[in-house]
Amino acid sequence: MNILCSMLSNLAADATPGPGAGGGMYGMLMFLVPMGLFFYFFMIRPESKRRKEREQLLNAVKAKDKVVTIGGIHGTVVSVDKEEVVVQVDPKKDVKMRFRRTSIESIVTGGGGDKK
């Protein structure tokens, strides 16, 4: 935090007009480039990784997979279409529900954990 404050105070000192007015632009560039890299590596890149992993999960859903929906409904996939998934919620009463494929939150593995 102290480093950031000292960088800002240096930028303010560089921004004052004087005989070498070109130094202010260089100081501003030295501040914006690390800030841009910070946003890319800590915000944009992780989000794109999560989006790609979610896409792979949704493409991997197949019949007989045990799934949990975003609403918390547990069931077994009966059929998969391009946009929809039919999930059997209660096999004794043959209760089936139709969901959009994007409503699948996770695929439940045999060990009781979630595969995300």
C-alpha atoms as a PDB file:
ATOM      1  CA  MET A   1       0.000   0.000   0.000  1.00  0.00           C
ATOM      2  CA  ASN A   2       2.876   2.344   0.815  1.00  0.00           C
ATOM      3  CA  ILE A   3       4.431   1.635  -2.559  1.00  0.00           C
ATOM      4  CA  LEU A   4       1.167   2.588  -4.285  1.00  0.00           C
ATOM      5  CA  CYS A   5       0.958   5.859  -2.316  1.00  0.00           C
ATOM      6  CA  SER A   6       4.548   6.739  -3.146  1.00  0.00           C
ATOM      7  CA  MET A   7       3.932   5.971  -6.832  1.00  0.00           C
ATOM      8  CA  LEU A   8       0.875   8.240  -6.822  1.00  0.00           C
ATOM      9  CA  SER A   9       2.773  11.066  -5.152  1.00  0.00           C
ATOM     10  CA  ASN A  10       5.595  10.673  -7.690  1.00  0.00           C
ATOM     11  CA  LEU A  11       3.050  10.823 -10.491  1.00  0.00           C
ATOM     12  CA  ALA A  12       1.563  13.998  -9.044  1.00  0.00           C
ATOM     13  CA  ALA A  13       5.051  15.539  -8.858  1.00  0.00           C
ATOM     14  CA  ASP A  14       5.741  14.464 -12.461  1.00  0.00           C
ATOM     15  CA  ALA A  15       2.453  15.907 -13.680  1.00  0.00           C
ATOM     16  CA  THR A  16       3.346  19.478 -12.738  1.00  0.00           C
ATOM     17  CA  PRO A  17       4.223  21.471 -15.852  1.00  0.00           C
ATOM     18  CA  GLY A  18       7.845  22.402 -16.155  1.00  0.00           C
ATOM     19  CA  PRO A  19      10.705  22.487 -18.596  1.00  0.00           C
ATOM     20  CA  GLY A  20      10.600  18.673 -19.137  1.00  0.00           C
ATOM     21  CA  ALA A  21       6.825  18.246 -19.664  1.00  0.00           C
ATOM     22  CA  GLY A  22       7.327  14.893 -21.489  1.00  0.00           C
ATOM     23  CA  GLY A  23       8.262  13.129 -18.217  1.00  0.00           C
ATOM     24  CA  GLY A  24       4.650  13.229 -17.001  1.00  0.00           C
ATOM     25  CA  MET A  25       3.507  11.031 -19.856  1.00  0.00           C
ATOM     26  CA  TYR A  26       6.266   8.518 -19.140  1.00  0.00           C
ATOM     27  CA  GLY A  27       5.304   8.430 -15.450  1.00  0.00           C
ATOM     28  CA  MET A  28       1.650   7.888 -16.315  1.00  0.00           C
ATOM     29  CA  LEU A  29       2.590   5.056 -18.657  1.00  0.00           C
ATOM     30  CA  MET A  30       4.718   3.465 -15.932  1.00  0.00           C
ATOM     31  CA  PHE A  31       1.635   3.485 -13.709  1.00  0.00           C
ATOM     32  CA  LEU A  32      -0.976   2.285 -16.224  1.00  0.00           C
ATOM     33  CA  VAL A  33       0.944  -0.682 -17.664  1.00  0.00           C
ATOM     34  CA  PRO A  34       1.354  -2.516 -14.316  1.00  0.00           C
ATOM     35  CA  MET A  35      -2.261  -1.686 -13.444  1.00  0.00           C
ATOM     36  CA  GLY A  36      -3.437  -3.208 -16.744  1.00  0.00           C
ATOM     37  CA  LEU A  37      -1.329  -6.318 -16.162  1.00  0.00           C
ATOM     38  CA  PHE A  38      -2.757  -6.616 -12.646  1.00  0.00           C
ATOM     39  CA  PHE A  39      -6.341  -6.517 -13.960  1.00  0.00           C
ATOM     40  CA  TYR A  40      -5.569  -9.070 -16.659  1.00  0.00           C
ATOM     41  CA  PHE A  41      -3.834 -11.626 -14.434  1.00  0.00           C
ATOM     42  CA  PHE A  42      -6.071 -11.302 -11.370  1.00  0.00           C
ATOM     43  CA  MET A  43      -9.496 -10.606 -12.878  1.00  0.00           C
ATOM     44  CA  ILE A  44      -9.881 -11.297 -16.590  1.00  0.00           C
ATOM     45  CA  ARG A  45      -7.783 -14.452 -16.992  1.00  0.00           C
ATOM     46  CA  PRO A  46      -9.253 -16.414 -14.037  1.00  0.00           C
ATOM     47  CA  GLU A  47     -12.784 -15.601 -15.191  1.00  0.00           C
ATOM     48  CA  SER A  48     -12.100 -16.895 -18.696  1.00  0.00           C
ATOM     49  CA  LYS A  49     -10.605 -20.085 -17.198  1.00  0.00           C
ATOM     50  CA  ARG A  50     -13.750 -20.622 -15.085  1.00  0.00           C
ATOM     51  CA  ARG A  51     -15.967 -20.021 -18.126  1.00  0.00           C
ATOM     52  CA  LYS A  52     -13.986 -22.557 -20.184  1.00  0.00           C
ATOM     53  CA  GLU A  53     -14.137 -25.186 -17.397  1.00  0.00           C
ATOM     54  CA  ARG A  54     -17.909 -24.689 -17.079  1.00  0.00           C
ATOM     55  CA  GLU A  55     -18.327 -25.092 -20.827  1.00  0.00           C
ATOM     56  CA  GLN A  56     -16.358 -28.355 -20.712  1.00  0.00           C
ATOM     57  CA  LEU A  57     -18.516 -29.603 -17.821  1.00  0.00           C
ATOM     58  CA  LEU A  58     -21.746 -28.857 -19.688  1.00  0.00           C
ATOM     59  CA  ASN A  59     -20.471 -30.533 -22.860  1.00  0.00           C
ATOM     60  CA  ALA A  60     -19.496 -33.638 -20.859  1.00  0.00           C
ATOM     61  CA  VAL A  61     -23.025 -34.257 -19.490  1.00  0.00           C
ATOM     62  CA  LYS A  62     -24.358 -37.567 -20.790  1.00  0.00           C
ATOM     63  CA  ALA A  63     -27.129 -40.025 -19.973  1.00  0.00           C
ATOM     64  CA  LYS A  64     -26.897 -41.874 -16.620  1.00  0.00           C
ATOM     65  CA  ASP A  65     -24.797 -39.086 -15.023  1.00  0.00           C
ATOM     66  CA  LYS A  66     -25.897 -38.030 -11.551  1.00  0.00           C
ATOM     67  CA  VAL A  67     -26.196 -34.245 -11.503  1.00  0.00           C
ATOM     68  CA  VAL A  68     -27.138 -31.349  -9.248  1.00  0.00           C
ATOM     69  CA  THR A  69     -28.932 -28.368 -10.771  1.00  0.00           C
ATOM     70  CA  ILE A  70     -28.410 -24.735  -9.795  1.00  0.00           C
ATOM     71  CA  GLY A  71     -31.677 -25.009  -7.880  1.00  0.00           C
ATOM     72  CA  GLY A  72     -30.307 -27.861  -5.769  1.00  0.00           C
ATOM     73  CA  ILE A  73     -32.295 -30.663  -7.407  1.00  0.00           C
ATOM     74  CA  HIS A  74     -30.470 -34.010  -7.475  1.00  0.00           C
ATOM     75  CA  GLY A  75     -31.208 -36.514 -10.197  1.00  0.00           C
ATOM     76  CA  THR A  76     -29.998 -38.790 -12.961  1.00  0.00           C
ATOM     77  CA  VAL A  77     -29.777 -37.622 -16.562  1.00  0.00           C
ATOM     78  CA  VAL A  78     -32.107 -39.586 -18.825  1.00  0.00           C
ATOM     79  CA  SER A  79     -31.522 -37.818 -22.137  1.00  0.00           C
ATOM     80  CA  VAL A  80     -29.460 -34.930 -23.446  1.00  0.00           C
ATOM     81  CA  ASP A  81     -30.366 -32.638 -26.339  1.00  0.00           C
ATOM     82  CA  LYS A  82     -28.457 -29.679 -27.705  1.00  0.00           C
ATOM     83  CA  GLU A  83     -30.131 -27.207 -25.321  1.00  0.00           C
ATOM     84  CA  GLU A  84     -32.098 -29.362 -22.860  1.00  0.00           C
ATOM     85  CA  VAL A  85     -31.503 -32.167 -20.380  1.00  0.00           C
ATOM     86  CA  VAL A  86     -34.154 -34.515 -18.975  1.00  0.00           C
ATOM     87  CA  VAL A  87     -33.402 -35.475 -15.365  1.00  0.00           C
ATOM     88  CA  GLN A  88     -35.118 -38.288 -13.497  1.00  0.00           C
ATOM     89  CA  VAL A  89     -35.694 -37.009  -9.980  1.00  0.00           C
ATOM     90  CA  ASP A  90     -37.583 -39.924  -8.412  1.00  0.00           C
ATOM     91  CA  PRO A  91     -37.117 -43.326 -10.056  1.00  0.00           C
ATOM     92  CA  LYS A  92     -39.843 -45.011  -7.932  1.00  0.00           C
ATOM     93  CA  LYS A  93     -42.567 -42.652  -9.163  1.00  0.00           C
ATOM     94  CA  ASP A  94     -40.874 -42.066 -12.542  1.00  0.00           C
ATOM     95  CA  VAL A  95     -40.699 -38.292 -12.026  1.00  0.00           C
ATOM     96  CA  LYS A  96     -38.725 -36.582 -14.788  1.00  0.00           C
ATOM     97  CA  MET A  97     -37.979 -32.904 -15.199  1.00  0.00           C
ATOM     98  CA  ARG A  98     -36.710 -30.997 -18.221  1.00  0.00           C
ATOM     99  CA  PHE A  99     -33.977 -28.398 -17.682  1.00  0.00           C
ATOM    100  CA  ARG A 100     -31.861 -26.182 -19.865  1.00  0.00           C
ATOM    101  CA  ARG A 101     -28.365 -27.598 -20.144  1.00  0.00           C
ATOM    102  CA  THR A 102     -26.911 -24.469 -18.517  1.00  0.00           C
ATOM    103  CA  SER A 103     -28.877 -25.160 -15.320  1.00  0.00           C
ATOM    104  CA  ILE A 104     -26.593 -28.098 -14.463  1.00  0.00           C
ATOM    105  CA  GLU A 105     -24.281 -26.995 -11.654  1.00  0.00           C
ATOM    106  CA  SER A 106     -22.184 -30.108 -11.182  1.00  0.00           C
ATOM    107  CA  ILE A 107     -21.838 -33.785 -11.968  1.00  0.00           C
ATOM    108  CA  VAL A 108     -21.820 -35.925  -8.813  1.00  0.00           C
ATOM    109  CA  THR A 109     -19.145 -38.610  -8.720  1.00  0.00           C
ATOM    110  CA  GLY A 110     -19.553 -41.997  -7.023  1.00  0.00           C
ATOM    111  CA  GLY A 111     -17.560 -40.943  -3.943  1.00  0.00           C
ATOM    112  CA  GLY A 112     -20.138 -38.344  -2.912  1.00  0.00           C
ATOM    113  CA  GLY A 113     -17.993 -35.359  -3.975  1.00  0.00           C
ATOM    114  CA  ASP A 114     -18.721 -32.967  -6.796  1.00  0.00           C
ATOM    115  CA  LYS A 115     -16.812 -32.909 -10.059  1.00  0.00           C
ATOM    116  CA  LYS A 116     -16.567 -29.258 -11.082  1.00  0.00           C
END
